[in-house]
N, C-alpha and C. Protein backbone atom coordinates (compact mmCIF):
# COMPACT_ATOMS: atom_id res chain seq x y z
N MET A 1 -31.21 -47.21 6.67
CA MET A 1 -30.27 -46.16 7.76
C MET A 1 -29.26 -45.41 7.20
N LYS A 2 -28.18 -46.46 6.61
CA LYS A 2 -27.00 -45.89 5.93
C LYS A 2 -27.33 -44.83 4.90
N ARG A 3 -28.54 -45.09 4.19
CA ARG A 3 -28.91 -44.24 2.86
C ARG A 3 -29.34 -42.77 3.38
N LEU A 4 -30.04 -42.88 4.41
CA LEU A 4 -30.69 -41.47 5.05
C LEU A 4 -29.37 -40.91 5.61
N MET A 5 -28.23 -41.49 6.26
CA MET A 5 -27.18 -40.80 6.87
C MET A 5 -26.18 -40.07 5.63
N ILE A 6 -26.31 -40.86 4.39
CA ILE A 6 -25.28 -40.29 3.45
C ILE A 6 -25.94 -38.96 3.01
N VAL A 7 -27.36 -39.39 2.67
CA VAL A 7 -27.87 -38.16 2.29
C VAL A 7 -28.01 -36.95 3.14
N VAL A 8 -28.12 -37.17 4.61
CA VAL A 8 -27.89 -35.85 5.30
C VAL A 8 -26.56 -35.25 5.31
N LEU A 9 -25.79 -36.06 5.27
CA LEU A 9 -24.03 -35.56 5.18
C LEU A 9 -23.79 -35.19 4.15
N SER A 10 -24.73 -35.50 2.81
CA SER A 10 -24.10 -35.00 1.52
C SER A 10 -24.76 -33.65 1.59
N ILE A 11 -26.01 -33.46 2.15
CA ILE A 11 -26.78 -32.31 2.20
C ILE A 11 -26.29 -31.16 3.25
N ALA A 12 -25.39 -31.64 4.12
CA ALA A 12 -25.16 -30.80 5.07
C ALA A 12 -23.41 -30.21 4.27
N ALA A 13 -22.86 -31.20 3.56
CA ALA A 13 -21.84 -30.74 2.68
C ALA A 13 -22.20 -29.89 1.73
N PHE A 14 -22.84 -30.17 0.82
CA PHE A 14 -23.22 -29.00 -0.13
C PHE A 14 -23.63 -27.71 0.36
N SER A 15 -24.64 -27.72 1.45
CA SER A 15 -24.61 -26.32 2.19
C SER A 15 -23.28 -25.59 2.73
N CYS A 16 -22.34 -26.26 2.70
CA CYS A 16 -21.14 -25.56 3.39
C CYS A 16 -20.57 -24.67 1.86
N PHE A 17 -20.59 -25.48 0.74
CA PHE A 17 -20.20 -25.15 -0.36
C PHE A 17 -21.17 -23.86 -0.96
N ALA A 18 -22.66 -24.21 -1.02
CA ALA A 18 -23.20 -23.35 -1.42
C ALA A 18 -23.51 -21.93 -0.79
N ALA A 19 -23.14 -21.79 0.61
CA ALA A 19 -23.20 -20.54 1.38
C ALA A 19 -22.36 -19.39 0.49
N GLU A 20 -23.17 -18.33 0.77
CA GLU A 20 -22.51 -16.83 0.36
C GLU A 20 -21.53 -16.48 1.28
N PRO A 21 -20.59 -15.79 0.68
CA PRO A 21 -19.54 -15.48 1.74
C PRO A 21 -20.20 -14.38 2.60
N PRO A 22 -19.33 -14.19 3.44
CA PRO A 22 -20.31 -13.27 4.66
C PRO A 22 -19.95 -11.64 4.22
N ALA A 23 -20.73 -11.00 4.41
CA ALA A 23 -20.95 -9.64 3.97
C ALA A 23 -19.81 -8.78 4.82
N LYS A 24 -19.29 -7.71 3.86
CA LYS A 24 -18.49 -6.78 4.89
C LYS A 24 -19.31 -6.11 5.59
N PRO A 25 -19.02 -5.55 6.66
CA PRO A 25 -19.64 -4.87 7.55
C PRO A 25 -19.85 -3.31 7.11
N ALA A 26 -21.13 -2.66 7.31
CA ALA A 26 -21.31 -1.47 6.88
C ALA A 26 -19.94 -0.38 7.05
N GLY A 27 -19.56 0.36 6.06
CA GLY A 27 -18.58 1.24 6.11
C GLY A 27 -17.19 0.79 6.69
N ALA A 28 -17.23 -0.47 6.24
CA ALA A 28 -15.77 -1.32 6.37
C ALA A 28 -14.81 -0.68 5.25
N ALA A 29 -13.48 -0.18 5.51
CA ALA A 29 -12.75 0.25 4.83
C ALA A 29 -12.02 -1.02 3.88
N THR A 30 -11.88 -0.73 2.28
CA THR A 30 -11.16 -1.47 1.64
C THR A 30 -9.72 -1.88 1.92
N SER A 31 -9.15 -2.76 1.93
CA SER A 31 -7.96 -3.21 2.42
C SER A 31 -6.84 -2.63 1.60
N ALA A 32 -5.98 -1.48 2.01
CA ALA A 32 -5.14 -0.49 1.27
C ALA A 32 -3.88 -0.89 1.62
N PRO A 33 -2.66 -1.10 1.10
CA PRO A 33 -1.39 -0.87 2.07
C PRO A 33 -1.31 -0.11 3.01
N PRO A 34 -0.41 -0.09 3.84
CA PRO A 34 -0.18 0.62 4.97
C PRO A 34 0.89 1.66 4.17
N LYS A 35 0.47 3.27 4.84
CA LYS A 35 1.23 4.23 4.50
C LYS A 35 2.54 4.21 4.99
N PRO A 36 3.85 4.54 3.88
CA PRO A 36 5.00 4.46 4.45
C PRO A 36 5.45 5.23 5.74
N THR A 37 6.29 5.13 6.56
CA THR A 37 6.72 5.97 7.61
C THR A 37 7.95 6.45 7.50
N ALA A 38 8.42 7.32 8.47
CA ALA A 38 9.90 7.50 8.49
C ALA A 38 11.11 6.21 8.86
N ASP A 39 10.17 5.45 9.77
CA ASP A 39 10.90 4.04 10.05
C ASP A 39 10.84 2.81 9.02
N ALA A 40 10.21 3.18 7.58
CA ALA A 40 10.20 2.32 6.60
C ALA A 40 11.52 2.68 5.78
N CYS A 41 12.05 3.90 5.95
CA CYS A 41 13.27 4.02 5.19
C CYS A 41 14.48 4.00 6.03
N LYS A 42 14.72 2.80 6.57
CA LYS A 42 16.32 2.61 7.14
C LYS A 42 16.63 1.23 6.54
N LEU A 43 17.71 0.79 6.81
CA LEU A 43 18.10 -0.55 6.29
C LEU A 43 17.70 -1.73 6.93
N PRO A 44 17.42 -2.82 6.38
CA PRO A 44 16.95 -3.84 6.77
C PRO A 44 17.51 -4.32 7.87
N PRO A 45 17.27 -5.22 8.67
CA PRO A 45 17.92 -6.02 9.72
C PRO A 45 19.12 -6.85 9.28
N LYS A 46 20.01 -7.17 9.88
CA LYS A 46 20.98 -8.26 9.52
C LYS A 46 20.61 -9.49 10.60
N THR A 47 19.27 -10.00 10.50
CA THR A 47 19.16 -10.99 11.36
C THR A 47 19.01 -12.36 11.18
N THR A 48 19.06 -12.55 9.73
CA THR A 48 19.26 -14.12 9.24
C THR A 48 20.02 -13.96 8.38
N VAL A 49 20.54 -15.58 7.94
CA VAL A 49 21.48 -15.77 7.07
C VAL A 49 20.86 -15.63 5.72
N PHE A 50 19.45 -15.60 5.58
CA PHE A 50 18.61 -15.77 4.32
C PHE A 50 18.50 -14.36 3.68
N THR A 51 19.41 -13.10 3.41
CA THR A 51 19.15 -12.12 3.34
C THR A 51 19.98 -11.63 2.43
N PHE A 52 19.84 -10.06 1.53
CA PHE A 52 20.82 -9.69 0.72
C PHE A 52 22.12 -9.21 1.38
N TRP A 53 22.45 -9.50 2.68
CA TRP A 53 23.65 -9.21 3.28
C TRP A 53 24.93 -10.00 2.90
N GLN A 54 24.54 -11.25 2.50
CA GLN A 54 25.23 -12.16 2.31
C GLN A 54 26.02 -11.95 1.04
N SER A 55 25.32 -11.57 -0.11
CA SER A 55 25.60 -11.78 -1.32
C SER A 55 25.48 -10.15 -1.90
N CYS A 56 25.55 -9.11 -1.17
CA CYS A 56 25.62 -7.86 -1.84
C CYS A 56 26.82 -6.86 -0.76
N LYS A 57 27.36 -5.98 -1.55
CA LYS A 57 28.16 -5.10 -1.06
C LYS A 57 28.21 -3.58 -1.12
N ASN A 58 28.77 -2.82 -0.55
CA ASN A 58 28.55 -1.47 -0.77
C ASN A 58 27.04 -0.75 -0.48
N VAL A 59 26.53 -1.61 0.41
CA VAL A 59 25.30 -1.18 0.75
C VAL A 59 25.20 0.31 1.41
N THR A 60 24.22 1.18 0.63
CA THR A 60 24.07 2.73 1.21
C THR A 60 22.56 2.81 1.28
N LEU A 61 22.33 3.84 2.04
CA LEU A 61 20.85 4.36 2.02
C LEU A 61 20.86 5.92 1.64
N ASN A 62 20.20 6.20 0.45
CA ASN A 62 20.16 7.89 0.23
C ASN A 62 18.67 8.20 0.25
N GLY A 63 18.26 8.61 1.52
CA GLY A 63 16.98 8.84 1.52
C GLY A 63 16.23 7.79 1.58
N CYS A 64 15.28 7.09 0.89
CA CYS A 64 14.56 5.77 1.03
C CYS A 64 15.16 5.14 -0.07
N THR A 65 16.09 5.38 -0.90
CA THR A 65 16.74 4.26 -2.20
C THR A 65 18.11 3.61 -1.35
N LEU A 66 17.70 2.21 -1.15
CA LEU A 66 18.73 1.64 -0.75
C LEU A 66 19.35 1.29 -1.88
N GLN A 67 20.80 1.36 -2.05
CA GLN A 67 21.50 1.07 -3.31
C GLN A 67 22.60 0.09 -2.69
N ALA A 68 23.08 -0.69 -3.63
CA ALA A 68 23.85 -1.96 -3.38
C ALA A 68 24.41 -2.64 -4.75
N SER A 69 25.65 -3.31 -4.50
CA SER A 69 26.12 -3.92 -5.71
C SER A 69 25.82 -5.32 -5.21
N CYS A 70 24.99 -6.27 -6.12
CA CYS A 70 24.69 -7.60 -5.67
C CYS A 70 25.34 -8.54 -6.59
N GLN A 71 25.65 -9.59 -6.25
CA GLN A 71 26.25 -10.67 -6.96
C GLN A 71 25.06 -11.59 -7.94
N THR A 72 25.23 -11.60 -9.19
CA THR A 72 24.51 -12.52 -9.94
C THR A 72 24.77 -13.70 -10.20
N ALA A 73 24.07 -14.56 -10.54
CA ALA A 73 24.31 -16.41 -10.46
C ALA A 73 25.43 -16.51 -11.39
N SER A 74 25.65 -15.70 -12.20
CA SER A 74 26.92 -15.88 -12.97
C SER A 74 28.07 -15.45 -12.48
N GLN A 75 28.17 -15.18 -11.34
CA GLN A 75 29.07 -14.33 -10.42
C GLN A 75 29.67 -13.03 -10.62
N THR A 76 28.98 -12.32 -11.49
CA THR A 76 29.16 -10.88 -11.82
C THR A 76 28.41 -10.04 -10.88
N TRP A 77 28.53 -8.92 -10.59
CA TRP A 77 28.51 -7.87 -9.62
C TRP A 77 27.14 -6.89 -10.40
N ARG A 78 26.02 -6.55 -9.84
CA ARG A 78 24.97 -5.51 -10.51
C ARG A 78 24.86 -4.64 -9.76
N ASN A 79 24.60 -3.29 -9.88
CA ASN A 79 24.29 -2.26 -9.15
C ASN A 79 22.74 -2.42 -9.21
N THR A 80 22.26 -2.21 -8.13
CA THR A 80 20.62 -2.54 -7.96
C THR A 80 19.95 -1.17 -6.68
N THR A 81 19.15 -1.22 -6.79
CA THR A 81 18.12 -0.10 -5.99
C THR A 81 17.03 -0.77 -5.35
N PHE A 82 16.53 -0.44 -4.36
CA PHE A 82 15.16 -0.80 -4.02
C PHE A 82 14.67 0.73 -3.02
N ASP A 83 13.28 0.71 -3.50
CA ASP A 83 12.53 1.96 -2.52
C ASP A 83 12.24 1.29 -1.17
N MET A 84 12.88 1.68 -0.21
CA MET A 84 12.25 1.20 1.25
C MET A 84 11.40 1.62 1.87
N SER A 85 10.78 2.73 0.93
CA SER A 85 8.91 2.95 1.35
C SER A 85 8.59 2.11 1.02
N GLN A 86 8.71 1.38 0.06
CA GLN A 86 7.77 -0.05 -0.05
C GLN A 86 7.75 -1.19 0.71
N PHE A 87 9.25 -1.21 1.51
CA PHE A 87 9.41 -2.17 2.52
C PHE A 87 8.01 -2.69 3.67
N PRO A 88 7.32 -1.91 3.87
CA PRO A 88 6.21 -1.96 5.07
C PRO A 88 4.98 -3.02 3.90
N ASN A 89 5.04 -2.87 2.90
CA ASN A 89 3.99 -3.74 1.85
C ASN A 89 4.89 -5.18 1.37
N CYS A 90 6.03 -5.40 2.00
CA CYS A 90 6.39 -6.59 1.75
C CYS A 90 5.68 -7.76 2.67
N TYR A 91 5.64 -8.94 2.20
CA TYR A 91 4.89 -9.88 2.96
C TYR A 91 6.16 -10.52 4.01
N ASP A 92 6.03 -10.67 5.42
CA ASP A 92 6.66 -11.12 6.29
C ASP A 92 6.83 -12.85 6.29
N ALA A 93 7.94 -13.17 6.13
CA ALA A 93 8.44 -14.79 5.98
C ALA A 93 7.97 -15.30 7.34
N PRO A 94 7.25 -16.62 7.51
CA PRO A 94 6.69 -17.02 8.75
C PRO A 94 7.90 -17.27 9.93
N ILE A 95 9.03 -17.68 9.22
CA ILE A 95 10.23 -18.17 10.01
C ILE A 95 11.06 -16.74 10.33
N ASP A 96 11.60 -16.21 9.36
CA ASP A 96 12.52 -14.85 9.87
C ASP A 96 11.92 -13.34 9.44
N GLY A 97 10.56 -13.45 9.10
CA GLY A 97 10.22 -12.23 9.05
C GLY A 97 10.37 -11.54 8.01
N ARG A 98 10.27 -10.23 7.77
CA ARG A 98 10.46 -9.41 6.51
C ARG A 98 11.94 -8.95 6.56
N ASN A 99 12.28 -9.29 5.16
CA ASN A 99 13.55 -8.95 4.72
C ASN A 99 13.93 -8.76 3.08
N LEU A 100 14.86 -8.24 2.89
CA LEU A 100 15.16 -8.31 1.12
C LEU A 100 16.04 -9.52 1.01
N SER A 101 15.99 -9.94 -0.19
CA SER A 101 16.71 -11.07 -0.86
C SER A 101 17.29 -10.41 -2.02
N ASN A 102 18.77 -11.16 -2.49
CA ASN A 102 18.98 -10.85 -3.57
C ASN A 102 18.74 -11.87 -4.64
N ASN A 103 17.93 -11.50 -5.76
CA ASN A 103 17.38 -12.27 -6.80
C ASN A 103 18.17 -12.12 -7.92
N ASN A 104 19.08 -12.77 -8.03
CA ASN A 104 19.81 -12.56 -9.31
C ASN A 104 20.51 -11.20 -9.63
N GLY A 105 20.79 -10.43 -8.58
CA GLY A 105 21.51 -9.19 -8.69
C GLY A 105 20.24 -8.16 -8.68
N THR A 106 19.06 -8.66 -8.28
CA THR A 106 17.99 -7.39 -8.02
C THR A 106 17.55 -7.63 -6.73
N LEU A 107 17.15 -6.77 -5.54
CA LEU A 107 16.77 -6.68 -4.69
C LEU A 107 15.31 -6.93 -4.42
N CYS A 108 14.65 -7.94 -3.75
CA CYS A 108 13.52 -8.35 -3.78
C CYS A 108 12.66 -8.40 -2.28
N CYS A 109 11.59 -8.31 -2.21
CA CYS A 109 11.37 -8.81 -0.89
C CYS A 109 10.01 -9.85 -1.08
N GLY A 110 9.56 -10.58 -0.10
CA GLY A 110 8.74 -11.39 -0.22
C GLY A 110 9.15 -12.74 0.20
N TYR A 111 8.38 -13.49 -0.16
CA TYR A 111 8.95 -15.12 0.13
C TYR A 111 8.25 -15.85 -0.87
N ALA A 112 8.59 -17.21 -0.88
CA ALA A 112 8.27 -18.35 -1.89
C ALA A 112 6.74 -18.16 -1.85
N GLY A 113 5.88 -17.98 -2.81
CA GLY A 113 4.46 -18.30 -2.86
C GLY A 113 3.99 -17.00 -2.78
N THR A 114 4.30 -15.95 -2.33
CA THR A 114 3.83 -14.64 -2.29
C THR A 114 4.26 -13.82 -3.21
N PRO A 115 3.60 -12.55 -3.45
CA PRO A 115 3.99 -11.28 -4.45
C PRO A 115 5.16 -10.93 -4.06
N GLN A 116 6.11 -10.86 -5.12
CA GLN A 116 7.33 -10.15 -4.89
C GLN A 116 7.38 -8.52 -5.04
N ILE A 117 7.99 -7.82 -4.15
CA ILE A 117 8.19 -6.29 -4.67
C ILE A 117 9.75 -6.50 -4.91
N CYS A 118 10.04 -5.80 -6.19
CA CYS A 118 11.38 -5.77 -6.47
C CYS A 118 11.85 -4.56 -6.88
N GLY A 119 13.00 -4.22 -6.65
CA GLY A 119 13.70 -2.83 -7.04
C GLY A 119 14.18 -3.11 -8.37
N THR A 120 15.37 -1.85 -9.02
CA THR A 120 15.87 -2.06 -10.00
C THR A 120 17.34 -2.39 -10.33
């Protein structure tokens, strides 16, 4: 009886791994990043303490280009830019949402374990 149960469970477990992925519905669009909107070209919110606002100064927005002077790990200041039309493509952090961070003097978005989008 135990052997039969082990065989049945083994077959059931194997069938889960052997199953093919579900087919995409006919006419399903491929996932593409959202197109930037006019709302994308604005300054990010000052909502959390884990943003670039604490370590960058002289923050301005020139069209869709965010410009700032951000502090590096060696305590020097670096002029950096970020294309805010890319901001809608950034991953939302589970706790504090979508925002920019100062990555050693470069503005980036995304959070740990996700692809980063960085400026210059």
